[in-house]
Amino acid sequence: MSEPQPGAPRSALEASAREFHALLGPGTSWSGRLSFAGRVRVEAAVEGEILGGELVVIAGEADVQGTIQADHVLVLGGRVRANITARKSIELCIPAVVEGDLRAPDVFLERGVSFTGRCTMGHEAAELV
């Protein structure tokens, strides 16, 4: 298996995540509840809830604490100390560090990801969302 080229998408979900409705960039901090309907990319410090939406991407130097819920959650980097619930899928890619429980019908962990927590997959997970 060959390594992806620098800057190339590592997954189909990442390849489809080209347009975002909101961006919380580096140097930004947020505390509270973030609700949205589309796609959001988080590269900031967030404490609280990230709710709704089609896609949440956690990347860069993000530091997220709390809960995350969306259709799809893609963690490309940063540190996440949160329970993650997705109606469709969760993907964790290196160099992500994730501490918390994962719940989704489909879960993908790339080799080398640091993950501590419990994982619930399958139809039962979808019914709990």
N, C-alpha and C. Protein backbone atom coordinates (compact mmCIF):
# COMPACT_ATOMS: atom_id res chain seq x y z
N MET A 1 0.84 -1.18 0.00
CA MET A 1 0.00 0.00 0.00
C MET A 1 0.89 1.24 0.00
N SER A 2 0.70 2.11 -0.92
CA SER A 2 1.53 3.30 -1.02
C SER A 2 1.01 4.40 -0.11
N GLU A 3 1.91 5.25 0.31
CA GLU A 3 1.55 6.39 1.16
C GLU A 3 0.91 7.47 0.30
N PRO A 4 -0.10 8.18 0.84
CA PRO A 4 -0.70 9.27 0.07
C PRO A 4 0.29 10.40 -0.14
N GLN A 5 0.13 11.10 -1.23
CA GLN A 5 0.96 12.25 -1.52
C GLN A 5 0.63 13.36 -0.53
N PRO A 6 1.60 14.20 -0.16
CA PRO A 6 1.32 15.30 0.76
C PRO A 6 0.17 16.16 0.22
N GLY A 7 -0.80 16.43 1.07
CA GLY A 7 -1.94 17.24 0.68
C GLY A 7 -3.06 16.47 0.01
N ALA A 8 -2.81 15.21 -0.34
CA ALA A 8 -3.83 14.39 -1.00
C ALA A 8 -4.81 13.87 0.04
N PRO A 9 -6.10 13.75 -0.29
CA PRO A 9 -7.08 13.20 0.64
C PRO A 9 -6.73 11.77 1.04
N ARG A 10 -6.93 11.44 2.32
CA ARG A 10 -6.63 10.09 2.80
C ARG A 10 -7.86 9.20 2.78
N SER A 11 -9.04 9.78 2.60
CA SER A 11 -10.26 8.98 2.58
C SER A 11 -11.28 9.62 1.66
N ALA A 12 -12.30 8.84 1.31
CA ALA A 12 -13.36 9.38 0.45
C ALA A 12 -14.09 10.50 1.14
N LEU A 13 -14.28 10.38 2.46
CA LEU A 13 -14.96 11.44 3.21
C LEU A 13 -14.14 12.72 3.18
N GLU A 14 -12.84 12.61 3.36
CA GLU A 14 -11.99 13.80 3.31
C GLU A 14 -12.00 14.41 1.91
N ALA A 15 -12.02 13.58 0.88
CA ALA A 15 -12.04 14.10 -0.49
C ALA A 15 -13.32 14.88 -0.76
N SER A 16 -14.42 14.47 -0.14
CA SER A 16 -15.70 15.17 -0.36
C SER A 16 -15.83 16.42 0.49
N ALA A 17 -14.94 16.61 1.44
CA ALA A 17 -15.04 17.73 2.38
C ALA A 17 -14.24 18.93 1.89
N ARG A 18 -14.61 19.48 0.79
CA ARG A 18 -13.88 20.60 0.20
C ARG A 18 -14.51 21.96 0.50
N GLU A 19 -15.79 21.99 0.77
CA GLU A 19 -16.49 23.26 1.01
C GLU A 19 -17.09 23.23 2.42
N PHE A 20 -16.80 24.27 3.20
CA PHE A 20 -17.29 24.34 4.57
C PHE A 20 -18.20 25.54 4.75
N HIS A 21 -19.17 25.40 5.62
CA HIS A 21 -20.07 26.49 5.96
C HIS A 21 -19.52 27.34 7.09
N ALA A 22 -18.61 26.74 7.88
CA ALA A 22 -18.00 27.48 8.99
C ALA A 22 -16.60 26.93 9.24
N LEU A 23 -15.71 27.82 9.70
CA LEU A 23 -14.35 27.45 10.04
C LEU A 23 -13.99 28.11 11.35
N LEU A 24 -13.57 27.32 12.31
CA LEU A 24 -13.00 27.85 13.54
C LEU A 24 -11.50 27.60 13.43
N GLY A 25 -10.76 28.65 13.09
CA GLY A 25 -9.35 28.52 12.76
C GLY A 25 -8.42 28.55 13.95
N PRO A 26 -7.13 28.31 13.67
CA PRO A 26 -6.11 28.34 14.71
C PRO A 26 -6.12 29.69 15.44
N GLY A 27 -5.88 29.65 16.72
CA GLY A 27 -5.87 30.88 17.50
C GLY A 27 -7.24 31.28 18.00
N THR A 28 -8.28 30.55 17.63
CA THR A 28 -9.64 30.83 18.05
C THR A 28 -10.00 29.89 19.19
N SER A 29 -10.79 30.40 20.15
CA SER A 29 -11.31 29.52 21.19
C SER A 29 -12.82 29.73 21.29
N TRP A 30 -13.52 28.66 21.61
CA TRP A 30 -14.98 28.68 21.69
C TRP A 30 -15.39 27.87 22.91
N SER A 31 -16.34 28.40 23.65
CA SER A 31 -16.89 27.67 24.79
C SER A 31 -18.40 27.74 24.71
N GLY A 32 -19.08 26.59 24.82
CA GLY A 32 -20.53 26.57 24.75
C GLY A 32 -21.04 25.57 23.75
N ARG A 33 -22.15 25.89 23.12
CA ARG A 33 -22.79 25.00 22.16
C ARG A 33 -22.67 25.59 20.76
N LEU A 34 -22.13 24.79 19.84
CA LEU A 34 -22.01 25.16 18.43
C LEU A 34 -22.97 24.28 17.65
N SER A 35 -24.00 24.87 17.05
CA SER A 35 -24.99 24.14 16.26
C SER A 35 -24.92 24.62 14.82
N PHE A 36 -25.06 23.70 13.87
CA PHE A 36 -24.99 24.07 12.46
C PHE A 36 -25.71 23.04 11.63
N ALA A 37 -25.97 23.37 10.36
CA ALA A 37 -26.71 22.49 9.47
C ALA A 37 -25.83 21.85 8.40
N GLY A 38 -24.69 22.42 8.08
CA GLY A 38 -23.88 21.91 6.97
C GLY A 38 -22.59 21.28 7.42
N ARG A 39 -21.48 21.86 6.97
CA ARG A 39 -20.14 21.33 7.23
C ARG A 39 -19.33 22.37 8.00
N VAL A 40 -18.58 21.90 8.99
CA VAL A 40 -17.73 22.80 9.77
C VAL A 40 -16.36 22.17 9.95
N ARG A 41 -15.34 23.01 9.92
CA ARG A 41 -13.95 22.57 10.17
C ARG A 41 -13.47 23.27 11.43
N VAL A 42 -12.92 22.49 12.34
CA VAL A 42 -12.47 23.02 13.63
C VAL A 42 -10.96 22.81 13.73
N GLU A 43 -10.23 23.92 13.86
CA GLU A 43 -8.79 23.89 14.10
C GLU A 43 -8.49 24.72 15.34
N ALA A 44 -9.48 24.89 16.20
CA ALA A 44 -9.42 25.79 17.34
C ALA A 44 -9.54 25.02 18.65
N ALA A 45 -9.51 25.76 19.75
CA ALA A 45 -9.79 25.20 21.07
C ALA A 45 -11.29 25.33 21.31
N VAL A 46 -11.97 24.20 21.53
CA VAL A 46 -13.41 24.20 21.74
C VAL A 46 -13.72 23.41 22.99
N GLU A 47 -14.52 24.01 23.87
CA GLU A 47 -14.99 23.31 25.06
C GLU A 47 -16.50 23.40 25.07
N GLY A 48 -17.18 22.24 24.99
CA GLY A 48 -18.63 22.23 24.98
C GLY A 48 -19.16 21.24 23.97
N GLU A 49 -20.25 21.61 23.31
CA GLU A 49 -20.93 20.72 22.39
C GLU A 49 -20.83 21.22 20.95
N ILE A 50 -20.56 20.30 20.05
CA ILE A 50 -20.63 20.56 18.62
C ILE A 50 -21.76 19.67 18.12
N LEU A 51 -22.86 20.27 17.66
CA LEU A 51 -24.09 19.53 17.36
C LEU A 51 -24.59 19.75 15.95
N GLY A 52 -25.16 18.69 15.38
CA GLY A 52 -25.89 18.77 14.12
C GLY A 52 -25.02 18.58 12.91
N GLY A 53 -25.51 19.01 11.81
CA GLY A 53 -24.73 19.09 10.60
C GLY A 53 -24.41 17.81 9.87
N GLU A 54 -23.97 18.05 8.66
CA GLU A 54 -23.59 16.99 7.74
C GLU A 54 -22.21 16.43 8.08
N LEU A 55 -21.27 17.33 8.42
CA LEU A 55 -19.89 16.91 8.61
C LEU A 55 -19.18 17.82 9.60
N VAL A 56 -18.44 17.21 10.52
CA VAL A 56 -17.52 17.93 11.41
C VAL A 56 -16.13 17.40 11.11
N VAL A 57 -15.21 18.31 10.78
CA VAL A 57 -13.81 17.94 10.57
C VAL A 57 -12.99 18.60 11.67
N ILE A 58 -12.25 17.78 12.41
CA ILE A 58 -11.33 18.26 13.44
C ILE A 58 -9.93 18.10 12.85
N ALA A 59 -9.15 19.18 12.85
CA ALA A 59 -7.85 19.13 12.17
C ALA A 59 -6.84 20.06 12.83
N GLY A 60 -5.63 20.03 12.30
CA GLY A 60 -4.58 20.94 12.73
C GLY A 60 -4.26 20.78 14.20
N GLU A 61 -4.20 21.90 14.89
CA GLU A 61 -3.86 21.91 16.31
C GLU A 61 -5.11 22.00 17.19
N ALA A 62 -6.23 21.55 16.69
CA ALA A 62 -7.49 21.62 17.44
C ALA A 62 -7.35 20.94 18.81
N ASP A 63 -8.06 21.48 19.78
CA ASP A 63 -8.15 20.89 21.12
C ASP A 63 -9.62 20.94 21.50
N VAL A 64 -10.32 19.82 21.38
CA VAL A 64 -11.76 19.77 21.57
C VAL A 64 -12.08 18.95 22.82
N GLN A 65 -12.90 19.53 23.71
CA GLN A 65 -13.36 18.86 24.92
C GLN A 65 -14.87 18.97 24.99
N GLY A 66 -15.56 17.84 25.23
CA GLY A 66 -17.01 17.89 25.36
C GLY A 66 -17.68 16.78 24.61
N THR A 67 -18.59 17.13 23.70
CA THR A 67 -19.29 16.14 22.88
C THR A 67 -19.36 16.63 21.44
N ILE A 68 -19.38 15.67 20.51
CA ILE A 68 -19.50 15.96 19.09
C ILE A 68 -20.59 15.06 18.54
N GLN A 69 -21.51 15.64 17.77
CA GLN A 69 -22.57 14.86 17.13
C GLN A 69 -22.85 15.43 15.75
N ALA A 70 -22.85 14.57 14.73
CA ALA A 70 -23.12 14.98 13.35
C ALA A 70 -23.41 13.74 12.51
N ASP A 71 -23.70 13.94 11.23
CA ASP A 71 -23.86 12.80 10.33
C ASP A 71 -22.53 12.07 10.19
N HIS A 72 -21.48 12.82 9.86
CA HIS A 72 -20.13 12.28 9.70
C HIS A 72 -19.18 13.10 10.56
N VAL A 73 -18.22 12.44 11.19
CA VAL A 73 -17.16 13.11 11.95
C VAL A 73 -15.83 12.58 11.44
N LEU A 74 -14.94 13.50 11.05
CA LEU A 74 -13.64 13.17 10.52
C LEU A 74 -12.59 13.87 11.36
N VAL A 75 -11.73 13.10 12.03
CA VAL A 75 -10.68 13.68 12.87
C VAL A 75 -9.36 13.45 12.16
N LEU A 76 -8.79 14.55 11.63
CA LEU A 76 -7.54 14.49 10.87
C LEU A 76 -6.32 14.85 11.70
N GLY A 77 -6.54 15.38 12.87
CA GLY A 77 -5.43 15.80 13.72
C GLY A 77 -5.96 16.44 14.97
N GLY A 78 -5.05 17.00 15.74
CA GLY A 78 -5.44 17.65 16.97
C GLY A 78 -5.69 16.66 18.08
N ARG A 79 -6.25 17.18 19.17
CA ARG A 79 -6.56 16.37 20.34
C ARG A 79 -8.04 16.50 20.63
N VAL A 80 -8.71 15.37 20.78
CA VAL A 80 -10.14 15.34 21.07
C VAL A 80 -10.35 14.57 22.36
N ARG A 81 -10.93 15.23 23.35
CA ARG A 81 -11.34 14.59 24.59
C ARG A 81 -12.85 14.76 24.66
N ALA A 82 -13.54 13.90 23.92
CA ALA A 82 -14.99 14.05 23.76
C ALA A 82 -15.60 12.73 23.35
N ASN A 83 -16.86 12.56 23.71
CA ASN A 83 -17.63 11.46 23.17
C ASN A 83 -18.13 11.90 21.80
N ILE A 84 -17.96 11.03 20.80
CA ILE A 84 -18.34 11.34 19.43
C ILE A 84 -19.46 10.40 19.00
N THR A 85 -20.57 10.98 18.54
CA THR A 85 -21.70 10.21 18.03
C THR A 85 -21.99 10.68 16.61
N ALA A 86 -22.04 9.73 15.68
CA ALA A 86 -22.32 10.07 14.28
C ALA A 86 -23.47 9.21 13.77
N ARG A 87 -24.36 9.84 13.03
CA ARG A 87 -25.48 9.10 12.46
C ARG A 87 -25.04 8.18 11.33
N LYS A 88 -23.89 8.50 10.70
CA LYS A 88 -23.42 7.69 9.57
C LYS A 88 -22.02 7.13 9.77
N SER A 89 -21.00 7.98 10.03
CA SER A 89 -19.65 7.44 10.15
C SER A 89 -18.72 8.34 10.97
N ILE A 90 -17.68 7.69 11.50
CA ILE A 90 -16.59 8.36 12.20
C ILE A 90 -15.30 7.85 11.58
N GLU A 91 -14.37 8.77 11.25
CA GLU A 91 -13.05 8.39 10.76
C GLU A 91 -12.00 9.10 11.60
N LEU A 92 -11.02 8.35 12.12
CA LEU A 92 -9.89 8.91 12.85
C LEU A 92 -8.63 8.65 12.05
N CYS A 93 -7.90 9.71 11.71
CA CYS A 93 -6.70 9.61 10.89
C CYS A 93 -5.50 10.16 11.67
N ILE A 94 -4.31 9.62 11.38
CA ILE A 94 -3.12 10.10 12.06
C ILE A 94 -2.85 11.54 11.63
N PRO A 95 -2.42 12.38 12.53
CA PRO A 95 -1.89 12.14 13.88
C PRO A 95 -2.91 12.40 15.00
N ALA A 96 -4.16 12.11 14.81
CA ALA A 96 -5.20 12.40 15.80
C ALA A 96 -4.94 11.68 17.12
N VAL A 97 -5.31 12.36 18.20
CA VAL A 97 -5.31 11.78 19.54
C VAL A 97 -6.73 11.94 20.06
N VAL A 98 -7.41 10.81 20.30
CA VAL A 98 -8.81 10.84 20.69
C VAL A 98 -9.00 10.06 21.98
N GLU A 99 -9.62 10.72 22.96
CA GLU A 99 -9.99 10.10 24.23
C GLU A 99 -11.49 10.30 24.39
N GLY A 100 -12.24 9.21 24.40
CA GLY A 100 -13.68 9.30 24.53
C GLY A 100 -14.35 8.14 23.83
N ASP A 101 -15.63 8.06 23.96
CA ASP A 101 -16.39 6.97 23.35
C ASP A 101 -16.85 7.34 21.95
N LEU A 102 -16.82 6.34 21.05
CA LEU A 102 -17.26 6.52 19.67
C LEU A 102 -18.54 5.71 19.48
N ARG A 103 -19.52 6.31 18.80
CA ARG A 103 -20.77 5.61 18.51
C ARG A 103 -21.23 5.99 17.11
N ALA A 104 -21.25 5.00 16.20
CA ALA A 104 -21.68 5.24 14.82
C ALA A 104 -21.89 3.90 14.12
N PRO A 105 -22.68 3.89 13.05
CA PRO A 105 -22.83 2.66 12.29
C PRO A 105 -21.51 2.18 11.69
N ASP A 106 -20.67 3.11 11.21
CA ASP A 106 -19.37 2.78 10.63
C ASP A 106 -18.28 3.60 11.31
N VAL A 107 -17.20 2.92 11.72
CA VAL A 107 -16.06 3.58 12.36
C VAL A 107 -14.80 3.07 11.70
N PHE A 108 -13.91 4.01 11.33
CA PHE A 108 -12.64 3.69 10.70
C PHE A 108 -11.53 4.33 11.51
N LEU A 109 -10.54 3.55 11.92
CA LEU A 109 -9.36 4.06 12.62
C LEU A 109 -8.13 3.74 11.78
N GLU A 110 -7.44 4.78 11.36
CA GLU A 110 -6.23 4.59 10.58
C GLU A 110 -5.12 4.07 11.50
N ARG A 111 -4.30 3.18 10.98
CA ARG A 111 -3.18 2.66 11.77
C ARG A 111 -2.30 3.81 12.24
N GLY A 112 -2.00 3.82 13.56
CA GLY A 112 -1.17 4.86 14.13
C GLY A 112 -1.92 5.92 14.90
N VAL A 113 -3.26 5.91 14.82
CA VAL A 113 -4.08 6.86 15.58
C VAL A 113 -4.01 6.48 17.06
N SER A 114 -3.98 7.46 17.93
CA SER A 114 -4.05 7.22 19.36
C SER A 114 -5.51 7.33 19.79
N PHE A 115 -6.10 6.21 20.23
CA PHE A 115 -7.50 6.18 20.64
C PHE A 115 -7.63 5.47 21.98
N THR A 116 -8.29 6.14 22.92
CA THR A 116 -8.61 5.55 24.21
C THR A 116 -10.09 5.74 24.45
N GLY A 117 -10.82 4.64 24.61
CA GLY A 117 -12.25 4.75 24.86
C GLY A 117 -12.97 3.50 24.41
N ARG A 118 -14.28 3.59 24.35
CA ARG A 118 -15.12 2.49 23.89
C ARG A 118 -15.68 2.84 22.52
N CYS A 119 -15.97 1.79 21.75
CA CYS A 119 -16.49 1.98 20.40
C CYS A 119 -17.73 1.11 20.23
N THR A 120 -18.85 1.74 19.83
CA THR A 120 -20.08 1.01 19.53
C THR A 120 -20.39 1.24 18.06
N MET A 121 -20.49 0.12 17.31
CA MET A 121 -20.72 0.21 15.87
C MET A 121 -21.95 -0.58 15.48
N GLY A 122 -22.43 -0.36 14.26
CA GLY A 122 -23.52 -1.14 13.71
C GLY A 122 -24.85 -0.45 13.83
N HIS A 123 -25.90 -1.17 13.51
CA HIS A 123 -27.25 -0.61 13.49
C HIS A 123 -27.69 -0.14 14.88
N GLU A 124 -27.23 -0.82 15.94
CA GLU A 124 -27.59 -0.41 17.29
C GLU A 124 -27.08 1.01 17.57
N ALA A 125 -25.88 1.31 17.09
CA ALA A 125 -25.32 2.64 17.29
C ALA A 125 -26.15 3.70 16.57
N ALA A 126 -26.62 3.40 15.37
CA ALA A 126 -27.42 4.35 14.60
C ALA A 126 -28.73 4.64 15.30
N GLU A 127 -29.31 3.63 15.96
CA GLU A 127 -30.58 3.82 16.65
C GLU A 127 -30.44 4.67 17.91
N LEU A 128 -29.23 4.77 18.45
CA LEU A 128 -29.01 5.52 19.68
C LEU A 128 -28.82 7.01 19.43
N VAL A 129 -28.66 7.40 18.16
CA VAL A 129 -28.39 8.81 17.82
C VAL A 129 -29.68 9.59 17.81
